[in-house]
Amino acid sequence: MKSKNKVNKFLNNQYPYYYNFKNALVLGMVILILSTVFSFLFEPFEVNFQELKYPYFIISLIHSLASFIVFLILVLVLNGFRSKSDDWLVKYELLFLLILLIIIGVGQFLIRDVIYDKDDNWSFSYLVEEIRNTLLVGSLLLFIITSVNIERLKNIYNKRSRNLTHHLLFVPHNEDETIKIITSVKSDDFDLTLSDFLYAKSDKNYTEIFLSDGKSLKRLTLKSLENQLSEFAFICKTHRSFLVNLNKIALIKGNT
């Protein structure tokens, strides 16, 4: 039971969402280069060079380009179904990568006629072989990339945590003021007592304000609230979606 709980906890951890198109393009280019070099240098599977229509480097590049195109298409589909990226979890990441590798394997099967001079390119055994090979090589590359990325994120977030902790120790604790907050609808303007303010969370054109005695939803952007509270050093934007009262923090911990 404990092992199951640990697995569930791991799978439900938040994970960075890298699949906006700009990030995906850069990530795809990295994978394109790595997979081409890996295939060309290490030849992970047996190759009958007599069956190849092109030099082996070109074959490796074609395989990688096909994977790159499939990846970008799936990213566009994924973004079409998603409205926000801050609820991405480890289990969604793993599921997306599994689907990606399977579809890439199918894509590799469909381009066999372009690459190999064989009469039986469309056999079911080759479909299974291409999916299997893609899962094996893709899993290895993604494991390497993910491991490096996790270490990178740990270093970044731990450094941010140390900086925030240092900042927290030296911010002035002048929380007694009450500030008039202007919203996009005049009737929704409100007074904010800083000693009651815990944090604020962005919700598109709205901001959810969390106070000691409850919460409320206001029609203003997080950026507008941040600007109106900019003179108070203990009000800090810790994430693109969160504005936090550092004086109310009990613990700061970096994670991925």
Foldseek 3Di string as FASTA:
>chain_A
DVVVVVVVVQQQAWDFDQLDLVSLLVVLVVQLVVQLVCCVPPVPDDDDVVFWPDPPSVVSNVLSVLLSVLSNVLSVVVVVPDDDGRRHGNNNVVVSLLVSLLVSLQSVLVCCVVTTNDDPSPDPVSSVVSSVVSCVVVVVVVVVVVVVVQVVQQVVQQVVLVVLVVLLVPFDPPQQDWFFADAPDRVQIDIHRRVFWFKWFADDQWIWTQGVVGIDIGRHGPVSVCVRCVVGSQFDDPDPGMTGRSPPDPDGDGGD
